[in-house]
Amino acid sequence: FAYGQAPSRQLDSPESEGPLSVPVNRFASVAQLL
């Protein structure tokens, strides 16, 4: 997607395209410990 556009996802025909689903927890910080 280009400047000024928003990402989208595939839908079943005939809709073809729709907005991306936003999860309840969109962001995460993940640490790896040893």
PDB file of all heavy atoms in Angstrom:
ATOM      1  N   PHE A   1       0.852  -1.178   0.000  1.00  0.00           N
ATOM      2  CA  PHE A   1       0.000   0.000   0.000  1.00  0.00           C
ATOM      3  C   PHE A   1       0.893   1.235   0.000  1.00  0.00           C
ATOM      4  O   PHE A   1       2.025   1.218   0.487  1.00  0.00           O
ATOM      5  CB  PHE A   1      -0.958   0.020   1.194  1.00  0.00           C
ATOM      6  CG  PHE A   1      -0.282  -0.073   2.537  1.00  0.00           C
ATOM      7  CD1 PHE A   1       0.000   1.069   3.268  1.00  0.00           C
ATOM      8  CD2 PHE A   1       0.057  -1.307   3.074  1.00  0.00           C
ATOM      9  CE1 PHE A   1       0.613   0.983   4.500  1.00  0.00           C
ATOM     10  CE2 PHE A   1       0.674  -1.398   4.304  1.00  0.00           C
ATOM     11  CZ  PHE A   1       0.951  -0.252   5.021  1.00  0.00           C
ATOM     12  N   ALA A   2       0.385   2.286  -0.582  1.00  0.00           N
ATOM     13  CA  ALA A   2       1.177   3.492  -0.808  1.00  0.00           C
ATOM     14  C   ALA A   2       0.876   4.549   0.247  1.00  0.00           C
ATOM     15  O   ALA A   2       0.038   4.364   1.137  1.00  0.00           O
ATOM     16  CB  ALA A   2       0.894   4.045  -2.206  1.00  0.00           C
ATOM     17  N   TYR A   3       1.554   5.672   0.120  1.00  0.00           N
ATOM     18  CA  TYR A   3       1.355   6.803   1.018  1.00  0.00           C
ATOM     19  C   TYR A   3      -0.112   7.250   0.973  1.00  0.00           C
ATOM     20  O   TYR A   3      -0.690   7.427  -0.092  1.00  0.00           O
ATOM     21  CB  TYR A   3       2.259   7.962   0.589  1.00  0.00           C
ATOM     22  CG  TYR A   3       1.978   9.259   1.312  1.00  0.00           C
ATOM     23  CD1 TYR A   3       2.369   9.442   2.630  1.00  0.00           C
ATOM     24  CD2 TYR A   3       1.300  10.293   0.670  1.00  0.00           C
ATOM     25  CE1 TYR A   3       2.098  10.624   3.291  1.00  0.00           C
ATOM     26  CE2 TYR A   3       1.023  11.488   1.331  1.00  0.00           C
ATOM     27  CZ  TYR A   3       1.427  11.647   2.636  1.00  0.00           C
ATOM     28  OH  TYR A   3       1.154  12.812   3.283  1.00  0.00           O
ATOM     29  N   GLY A   4      -0.711   7.407   2.138  1.00  0.00           N
ATOM     30  CA  GLY A   4      -2.101   7.830   2.222  1.00  0.00           C
ATOM     31  C   GLY A   4      -3.095   6.693   2.203  1.00  0.00           C
ATOM     32  O   GLY A   4      -4.288   6.912   2.436  1.00  0.00           O
ATOM     33  N   GLN A   5      -2.643   5.451   1.921  1.00  0.00           N
ATOM     34  CA  GLN A   5      -3.527   4.296   1.925  1.00  0.00           C
ATOM     35  C   GLN A   5      -3.406   3.551   3.247  1.00  0.00           C
ATOM     36  O   GLN A   5      -2.480   3.763   4.023  1.00  0.00           O
ATOM     37  CB  GLN A   5      -3.193   3.352   0.765  1.00  0.00           C
ATOM     38  CG  GLN A   5      -3.478   3.906  -0.610  1.00  0.00           C
ATOM     39  CD  GLN A   5      -3.147   2.894  -1.691  1.00  0.00           C
ATOM     40  OE1 GLN A   5      -2.190   2.130  -1.584  1.00  0.00           O
ATOM     41  NE2 GLN A   5      -3.954   2.889  -2.748  1.00  0.00           N
ATOM     42  N   ALA A   6      -4.348   2.643   3.465  1.00  0.00           N
ATOM     43  CA  ALA A   6      -4.323   1.796   4.653  1.00  0.00           C
ATOM     44  C   ALA A   6      -4.252   0.342   4.218  1.00  0.00           C
ATOM     45  O   ALA A   6      -4.778  -0.025   3.161  1.00  0.00           O
ATOM     46  CB  ALA A   6      -5.568   2.027   5.504  1.00  0.00           C
ATOM     47  N   PRO A   7      -3.592  -0.521   4.984  1.00  0.00           N
ATOM     48  CA  PRO A   7      -3.558  -1.945   4.612  1.00  0.00           C
ATOM     49  C   PRO A   7      -4.939  -2.562   4.693  1.00  0.00           C
ATOM     50  O   PRO A   7      -5.818  -2.093   5.432  1.00  0.00           O
ATOM     51  CB  PRO A   7      -2.610  -2.553   5.654  1.00  0.00           C
ATOM     52  CG  PRO A   7      -2.682  -1.624   6.822  1.00  0.00           C
ATOM     53  CD  PRO A   7      -2.884  -0.253   6.241  1.00  0.00           C
ATOM     54  N   SER A   8      -5.158  -3.621   3.929  1.00  0.00           N
ATOM     55  CA  SER A   8      -6.452  -4.297   3.918  1.00  0.00           C
ATOM     56  C   SER A   8      -6.220  -5.795   3.774  1.00  0.00           C
ATOM     57  O   SER A   8      -5.096  -6.252   3.604  1.00  0.00           O
ATOM     58  CB  SER A   8      -7.334  -3.778   2.774  1.00  0.00           C
ATOM     59  OG  SER A   8      -6.722  -4.033   1.518  1.00  0.00           O
ATOM     60  N   ARG A   9      -7.290  -6.560   3.832  1.00  0.00           N
ATOM     61  CA  ARG A   9      -7.183  -8.018   3.742  1.00  0.00           C
ATOM     62  C   ARG A   9      -8.177  -8.557   2.730  1.00  0.00           C
ATOM     63  O   ARG A   9      -9.134  -7.882   2.330  1.00  0.00           O
ATOM     64  CB  ARG A   9      -7.451  -8.659   5.106  1.00  0.00           C
ATOM     65  CG  ARG A   9      -8.867  -8.446   5.630  1.00  0.00           C
ATOM     66  CD  ARG A   9      -8.994  -8.934   7.061  1.00  0.00           C
ATOM     67  NE  ARG A   9     -10.327  -8.711   7.613  1.00  0.00           N
ATOM     68  CZ  ARG A   9     -11.286  -9.624   7.617  1.00  0.00           C
ATOM     69  NH1 ARG A   9     -11.070 -10.825   7.122  1.00  0.00           N
ATOM     70  NH2 ARG A   9     -12.468  -9.342   8.138  1.00  0.00           N
ATOM     71  N   GLN A  10      -7.952  -9.800   2.339  1.00  0.00           N
ATOM     72  CA  GLN A  10      -8.840 -10.474   1.394  1.00  0.00           C
ATOM     73  C   GLN A  10     -10.111 -10.933   2.104  1.00  0.00           C
ATOM     74  O   GLN A  10     -10.069 -11.411   3.236  1.00  0.00           O
ATOM     75  CB  GLN A  10      -8.133 -11.679   0.781  1.00  0.00           C
ATOM     76  CG  GLN A  10      -9.026 -12.517  -0.105  1.00  0.00           C
ATOM     77  CD  GLN A  10      -8.406 -13.868  -0.406  1.00  0.00           C
ATOM     78  OE1 GLN A  10      -7.217 -14.048  -0.293  1.00  0.00           O
ATOM     79  NE2 GLN A  10      -9.233 -14.824  -0.780  1.00  0.00           N
ATOM     80  N   LEU A  11     -11.254 -10.779   1.424  1.00  0.00           N
ATOM     81  CA  LEU A  11     -12.528 -11.306   1.906  1.00  0.00           C
ATOM     82  C   LEU A  11     -13.063 -12.302   0.888  1.00  0.00           C
ATOM     83  O   LEU A  11     -12.615 -12.354  -0.256  1.00  0.00           O
ATOM     84  CB  LEU A  11     -13.541 -10.171   2.098  1.00  0.00           C
ATOM     85  CG  LEU A  11     -13.204  -9.093   3.124  1.00  0.00           C
ATOM     86  CD1 LEU A  11     -14.283  -8.016   3.118  1.00  0.00           C
ATOM     87  CD2 LEU A  11     -13.066  -9.694   4.515  1.00  0.00           C
ATOM     88  N   ASP A  12     -14.005 -13.101   1.313  1.00  0.00           N
ATOM     89  CA  ASP A  12     -14.639 -14.032   0.391  1.00  0.00           C
ATOM     90  C   ASP A  12     -15.406 -13.271  -0.681  1.00  0.00           C
ATOM     91  O   ASP A  12     -15.953 -12.194  -0.429  1.00  0.00           O
ATOM     92  CB  ASP A  12     -15.587 -14.972   1.133  1.00  0.00           C
ATOM     93  CG  ASP A  12     -14.837 -15.892   2.090  1.00  0.00           C
ATOM     94  OD1 ASP A  12     -13.650 -16.146   1.834  1.00  0.00           O
ATOM     95  OD2 ASP A  12     -15.447 -16.335   3.079  1.00  0.00           O
ATOM     96  N   SER A  13     -15.450 -13.825  -1.862  1.00  0.00           N
ATOM     97  CA  SER A  13     -16.197 -13.193  -2.952  1.00  0.00           C
ATOM     98  C   SER A  13     -17.675 -13.085  -2.562  1.00  0.00           C
ATOM     99  O   SER A  13     -18.197 -13.930  -1.835  1.00  0.00           O
ATOM    100  CB  SER A  13     -16.042 -14.024  -4.223  1.00  0.00           C
ATOM    101  OG  SER A  13     -14.687 -14.024  -4.627  1.00  0.00           O
ATOM    102  N   PRO A  14     -18.379 -12.036  -2.997  1.00  0.00           N
ATOM    103  CA  PRO A  14     -17.925 -11.028  -3.961  1.00  0.00           C
ATOM    104  C   PRO A  14     -17.296  -9.789  -3.323  1.00  0.00           C
ATOM    105  O   PRO A  14     -16.935  -8.862  -4.037  1.00  0.00           O
ATOM    106  CB  PRO A  14     -19.219 -10.654  -4.672  1.00  0.00           C
ATOM    107  CG  PRO A  14     -20.256 -10.762  -3.589  1.00  0.00           C
ATOM    108  CD  PRO A  14     -19.826 -11.914  -2.711  1.00  0.00           C
ATOM    109  N   GLU A  15     -17.142  -9.767  -1.970  1.00  0.00           N
ATOM    110  CA  GLU A  15     -16.618  -8.557  -1.345  1.00  0.00           C
ATOM    111  C   GLU A  15     -15.174  -8.294  -1.740  1.00  0.00           C
ATOM    112  O   GLU A  15     -14.764  -7.165  -1.959  1.00  0.00           O
ATOM    113  CB  GLU A  15     -16.729  -8.655   0.182  1.00  0.00           C
ATOM    114  CG  GLU A  15     -18.156  -8.605   0.704  1.00  0.00           C
ATOM    115  CD  GLU A  15     -18.811  -9.976   0.674  1.00  0.00           C
ATOM    116  OE1 GLU A  15     -18.154 -10.934   0.237  1.00  0.00           O
ATOM    117  OE2 GLU A  15     -19.970 -10.087   1.091  1.00  0.00           O
ATOM    118  N   SER A  16     -14.348  -9.352  -1.790  1.00  0.00           N
ATOM    119  CA  SER A  16     -12.961  -9.308  -2.255  1.00  0.00           C
ATOM    120  C   SER A  16     -11.990  -8.654  -1.279  1.00  0.00           C
ATOM    121  O   SER A  16     -10.924  -9.185  -1.018  1.00  0.00           O
ATOM    122  CB  SER A  16     -12.851  -8.605  -3.614  1.00  0.00           C
ATOM    123  OG  SER A  16     -13.564  -9.323  -4.578  1.00  0.00           O
ATOM    124  N   GLU A  17     -12.318  -7.497  -0.709  1.00  0.00           N
ATOM    125  CA  GLU A  17     -11.344  -6.766   0.086  1.00  0.00           C
ATOM    126  C   GLU A  17     -12.023  -6.062   1.249  1.00  0.00           C
ATOM    127  O   GLU A  17     -13.140  -5.572   1.128  1.00  0.00           O
ATOM    128  CB  GLU A  17     -10.626  -5.741  -0.796  1.00  0.00           C
ATOM    129  CG  GLU A  17      -9.486  -5.006  -0.133  1.00  0.00           C
ATOM    130  CD  GLU A  17      -8.831  -4.025  -1.083  1.00  0.00           C
ATOM    131  OE1 GLU A  17      -8.939  -4.208  -2.310  1.00  0.00           O
ATOM    132  OE2 GLU A  17      -8.208  -3.061  -0.589  1.00  0.00           O
ATOM    133  N   GLY A  18     -11.334  -6.027   2.391  1.00  0.00           N
ATOM    134  CA  GLY A  18     -11.898  -5.375   3.558  1.00  0.00           C
ATOM    135  C   GLY A  18     -10.807  -4.921   4.501  1.00  0.00           C
ATOM    136  O   GLY A  18      -9.618  -5.194   4.282  1.00  0.00           O
ATOM    137  N   PRO A  19     -11.164  -4.232   5.581  1.00  0.00           N
ATOM    138  CA  PRO A  19     -10.152  -3.722   6.512  1.00  0.00           C
ATOM    139  C   PRO A  19      -9.490  -4.844   7.301  1.00  0.00           C
ATOM    140  O   PRO A  19     -10.076  -5.914   7.505  1.00  0.00           O
ATOM    141  CB  PRO A  19     -10.959  -2.793   7.430  1.00  0.00           C
ATOM    142  CG  PRO A  19     -12.354  -3.354   7.371  1.00  0.00           C
ATOM    143  CD  PRO A  19     -12.529  -3.860   5.971  1.00  0.00           C
ATOM    144  N   LEU A  20      -8.269  -4.597   7.736  1.00  0.00           N
ATOM    145  CA  LEU A  20      -7.561  -5.560   8.573  1.00  0.00           C
ATOM    146  C   LEU A  20      -8.201  -5.631   9.951  1.00  0.00           C
ATOM    147  O   LEU A  20      -8.648  -4.608  10.495  1.00  0.00           O
ATOM    148  CB  LEU A  20      -6.093  -5.153   8.730  1.00  0.00           C
ATOM    149  CG  LEU A  20      -5.143  -5.471   7.581  1.00  0.00           C
ATOM    150  CD1 LEU A  20      -3.745  -4.959   7.919  1.00  0.00           C
ATOM    151  CD2 LEU A  20      -5.083  -6.953   7.293  1.00  0.00           C
ATOM    152  N   SER A  21      -8.246  -6.819  10.499  1.00  0.00           N
ATOM    153  CA  SER A  21      -8.780  -6.986  11.845  1.00  0.00           C
ATOM    154  C   SER A  21      -7.750  -6.492  12.862  1.00  0.00           C
ATOM    155  O   SER A  21      -6.558  -6.753  12.736  1.00  0.00           O
ATOM    156  CB  SER A  21      -9.100  -8.460  12.108  1.00  0.00           C
ATOM    157  OG  SER A  21      -7.945  -9.262  11.911  1.00  0.00           O
ATOM    158  N   VAL A  22      -8.222  -5.767  13.866  1.00  0.00           N
ATOM    159  CA  VAL A  22      -7.347  -5.248  14.912  1.00  0.00           C
ATOM    160  C   VAL A  22      -7.506  -6.123  16.147  1.00  0.00           C
ATOM    161  O   VAL A  22      -8.604  -6.195  16.722  1.00  0.00           O
ATOM    162  CB  VAL A  22      -7.688  -3.784  15.249  1.00  0.00           C
ATOM    163  CG1 VAL A  22      -6.760  -3.267  16.344  1.00  0.00           C
ATOM    164  CG2 VAL A  22      -7.584  -2.919  14.004  1.00  0.00           C
ATOM    165  N   PRO A  23      -6.478  -6.817  16.578  1.00  0.00           N
ATOM    166  CA  PRO A  23      -6.601  -7.712  17.732  1.00  0.00           C
ATOM    167  C   PRO A  23      -6.744  -6.928  19.031  1.00  0.00           C
ATOM    168  O   PRO A  23      -6.474  -5.714  19.092  1.00  0.00           O
ATOM    169  CB  PRO A  23      -5.286  -8.497  17.703  1.00  0.00           C
ATOM    170  CG  PRO A  23      -4.323  -7.580  17.033  1.00  0.00           C
ATOM    171  CD  PRO A  23      -5.126  -6.810  16.014  1.00  0.00           C
ATOM    172  N   VAL A  24      -7.174  -7.617  20.072  1.00  0.00           N
ATOM    173  CA  VAL A  24      -7.303  -6.982  21.386  1.00  0.00           C
ATOM    174  C   VAL A  24      -5.947  -6.495  21.868  1.00  0.00           C
ATOM    175  O   VAL A  24      -5.796  -5.388  22.384  1.00  0.00           O
ATOM    176  CB  VAL A  24      -7.922  -7.972  22.391  1.00  0.00           C
ATOM    177  CG1 VAL A  24      -7.962  -7.344  23.792  1.00  0.00           C
ATOM    178  CG2 VAL A  24      -9.317  -8.377  21.961  1.00  0.00           C
ATOM    179  N   ASN A  25      -4.924  -7.322  21.723  1.00  0.00           N
ATOM    180  CA  ASN A  25      -3.555  -6.953  22.079  1.00  0.00           C
ATOM    181  C   ASN A  25      -2.749  -6.831  20.793  1.00  0.00           C
ATOM    182  O   ASN A  25      -2.190  -7.810  20.304  1.00  0.00           O
ATOM    183  CB  ASN A  25      -2.931  -7.999  23.000  1.00  0.00           C
ATOM    184  CG  ASN A  25      -3.633  -8.076  24.340  1.00  0.00           C
ATOM    185  OD1 ASN A  25      -3.891  -7.060  24.972  1.00  0.00           O
ATOM    186  ND2 ASN A  25      -3.950  -9.280  24.775  1.00  0.00           N
ATOM    187  N   ARG A  26      -2.712  -5.619  20.246  1.00  0.00           N
ATOM    188  CA  ARG A  26      -2.015  -5.444  18.974  1.00  0.00           C
ATOM    189  C   ARG A  26      -0.496  -5.523  19.147  1.00  0.00           C
ATOM    190  O   ARG A  26       0.179  -6.215  18.391  1.00  0.00           O
ATOM    191  CB  ARG A  26      -2.395  -4.103  18.341  1.00  0.00           C
ATOM    192  CG  ARG A  26      -1.592  -3.813  17.085  1.00  0.00           C
ATOM    193  CD  ARG A  26      -1.968  -2.511  16.416  1.00  0.00           C
ATOM    194  NE  ARG A  26      -1.056  -2.198  15.344  1.00  0.00           N
ATOM    195  CZ  ARG A  26      -1.115  -1.116  14.581  1.00  0.00           C
ATOM    196  NH1 ARG A  26      -2.085  -0.227  14.768  1.00  0.00           N
ATOM    197  NH2 ARG A  26      -0.221  -0.912  13.633  1.00  0.00           N
ATOM    198  N   PHE A  27       0.035  -4.835  20.143  1.00  0.00           N
ATOM    199  CA  PHE A  27       1.482  -4.771  20.315  1.00  0.00           C
ATOM    200  C   PHE A  27       1.932  -5.680  21.457  1.00  0.00           C
ATOM    201  O   PHE A  27       1.186  -5.947  22.393  1.00  0.00           O
ATOM    202  CB  PHE A  27       1.933  -3.337  20.591  1.00  0.00           C
ATOM    203  CG  PHE A  27       1.676  -2.395  19.449  1.00  0.00           C
ATOM    204  CD1 PHE A  27       0.638  -1.477  19.530  1.00  0.00           C
ATOM    205  CD2 PHE A  27       2.439  -2.444  18.307  1.00  0.00           C
ATOM    206  CE1 PHE A  27       0.391  -0.609  18.477  1.00  0.00           C
ATOM    207  CE2 PHE A  27       2.189  -1.590  17.249  1.00  0.00           C
ATOM    208  CZ  PHE A  27       1.167  -0.660  17.330  1.00  0.00           C
ATOM    209  N   ALA A  28       3.180  -6.134  21.343  1.00  0.00           N
ATOM    210  CA  ALA A  28       3.780  -6.939  22.401  1.00  0.00           C
ATOM    211  C   ALA A  28       5.271  -6.653  22.444  1.00  0.00           C
ATOM    212  O   ALA A  28       5.886  -6.298  21.429  1.00  0.00           O
ATOM    213  CB  ALA A  28       3.541  -8.434  22.166  1.00  0.00           C
ATOM    214  N   SER A  29       5.832  -6.798  23.626  1.00  0.00           N
ATOM    215  CA  SER A  29       7.281  -6.758  23.802  1.00  0.00           C
ATOM    216  C   SER A  29       7.710  -8.147  24.259  1.00  0.00           C
ATOM    217  O   SER A  29       7.175  -8.671  25.251  1.00  0.00           O
ATOM    218  CB  SER A  29       7.675  -5.702  24.839  1.00  0.00           C
ATOM    219  OG  SER A  29       9.081  -5.658  25.001  1.00  0.00           O
ATOM    220  N   VAL A  30       8.641  -8.744  23.526  1.00  0.00           N
ATOM    221  CA  VAL A  30       9.032 -10.134  23.776  1.00  0.00           C
ATOM    222  C   VAL A  30      10.522 -10.201  24.085  1.00  0.00           C
ATOM    223  O   VAL A  30      11.352  -9.730  23.293  1.00  0.00           O
ATOM    224  CB  VAL A  30       8.718 -11.031  22.561  1.00  0.00           C
ATOM    225  CG1 VAL A  30       9.075 -12.484  22.865  1.00  0.00           C
ATOM    226  CG2 VAL A  30       7.245 -10.916  22.178  1.00  0.00           C
ATOM    227  N   ALA A  31      10.856 -10.774  25.239  1.00  0.00           N
ATOM    228  CA  ALA A  31      12.244 -10.925  25.659  1.00  0.00           C
ATOM    229  C   ALA A  31      12.612 -12.406  25.685  1.00  0.00           C
ATOM    230  O   ALA A  31      11.781 -13.261  26.019  1.00  0.00           O
ATOM    231  CB  ALA A  31      12.469 -10.302  27.037  1.00  0.00           C
ATOM    232  N   GLN A  32      13.854 -12.700  25.319  1.00  0.00           N
ATOM    233  CA  GLN A  32      14.379 -14.067  25.355  1.00  0.00           C
ATOM    234  C   GLN A  32      15.432 -14.133  26.454  1.00  0.00           C
ATOM    235  O   GLN A  32      16.433 -13.415  26.412  1.00  0.00           O
ATOM    236  CB  GLN A  32      14.998 -14.445  24.007  1.00  0.00           C
ATOM    237  CG  GLN A  32      14.071 -14.311  22.820  1.00  0.00           C
ATOM    238  CD  GLN A  32      12.972 -15.355  22.799  1.00  0.00           C
ATOM    239  OE1 GLN A  32      13.048 -16.374  23.486  1.00  0.00           O
ATOM    240  NE2 GLN A  32      11.938 -15.117  22.003  1.00  0.00           N
ATOM    241  N   LEU A  33      15.191 -15.000  27.439  1.00  0.00           N
ATOM    242  CA  LEU A  33      16.105 -15.124  28.577  1.00  0.00           C
ATOM    243  C   LEU A  33      16.902 -16.416  28.486  1.00  0.00           C
ATOM    244  O   LEU A  33      16.435 -17.424  27.937  1.00  0.00           O
ATOM    245  CB  LEU A  33      15.322 -15.109  29.893  1.00  0.00           C
ATOM    246  CG  LEU A  33      14.371 -13.932  30.132  1.00  0.00           C
ATOM    247  CD1 LEU A  33      13.789 -14.021  31.533  1.00  0.00           C
ATOM    248  CD2 LEU A  33      15.067 -12.603  29.904  1.00  0.00           C
ATOM    249  N   LEU A  34      18.104 -16.383  29.059  1.00  0.00           N
ATOM    250  CA  LEU A  34      18.986 -17.555  29.080  1.00  0.00           C
ATOM    251  C   LEU A  34      19.531 -17.744  30.488  1.00  0.00           C
ATOM    252  O   LEU A  34      20.011 -16.791  31.114  1.00  0.00           O
ATOM    253  CB  LEU A  34      20.148 -17.366  28.104  1.00  0.00           C
ATOM    254  CG  LEU A  34      21.268 -18.422  28.168  1.00  0.00           C
ATOM    255  CD1 LEU A  34      20.741 -19.796  27.759  1.00  0.00           C
ATOM    256  CD2 LEU A  34      22.450 -18.002  27.306  1.00  0.00           C
TER     257      LEU A  34
END
